[in-house]
Amino acid sequence: MKRAGFTLIEVLVVAGIIAVLVGITIPAVSMFMARGQATKCLGNLSQIGAGLQLYLNDNDMVMPELLAGRKSKADDGPVIDEVLAEYLPNADVFICPADREIGAASGTSYYWNVALNGQRIGSLNFLQLVDSLQRIPVMSDKEGWHRYDKQKVNFLYADGHVTKDLQLFTEE
C-alpha cells in the first residue's frame, strides 16, 4: 500500500525549518535596507551640496543666511528646503529615507550650520578651521537615524564631500 501525503511530524519539521530560516533572514534584510537608506541619505546630501554650489555661484560665493531648522513647515524663516529648492530636482532630496517623521513635519531631515551664515566660501571660518573646507560641516542629519553605522549621522562639508564621520579635528 502506498502512503499518501505527509505525516504531522514531517509537516511540523518543515514548518520549524522555515521558521528558523525566516528568523535568520529578517534581521539581515532589515540591516541591508537600513544601510541602503543611509547611502541614499548620503546621496541626498551630495545633491544638496551641488545645489548649494549653484546657489553660491548665483550669489557671489556668499553662504545663505538660514535658520538651523524648524519644527513645522508652518514656522517662518529662511531654511534650506525653501532657499535651495530651486537649485535641486525635487523636494525629496531634503528628506532622509530613514527619517520617519521629522522631515515630513519640518520640510527637511537636515540641519544647517548657522555659524556659516553670510560668510564668503573662500574665507569660511568655523572653530578657527580657516582654509580647511574639507573639515567645515555645512549640514548634517537632524538625528542619528542610521542605526547600523558606527556614526549614526551623515555630514556635508564645505568642500562638497559627504561622509558618515565628523571630521573637524582629523589630520589633513
Foldseek 3Di string as FASTA:
>chain_A
DDDDDDDPVVVVVVVVVVVVVCVVVPVVVVLVVLVVLVVLLQVLLLQLLQLQVVVCVVVVQWGAQFAQFDQACPDDTHHSLPPSVVSGDHLCSQDRPLDDPRCVGTSHQKTADNQRHGHHLQFGADPNCGPCQVQAFGMKGPDQSRVVDPQSMKTATSVSHIDSDRRNPPDD
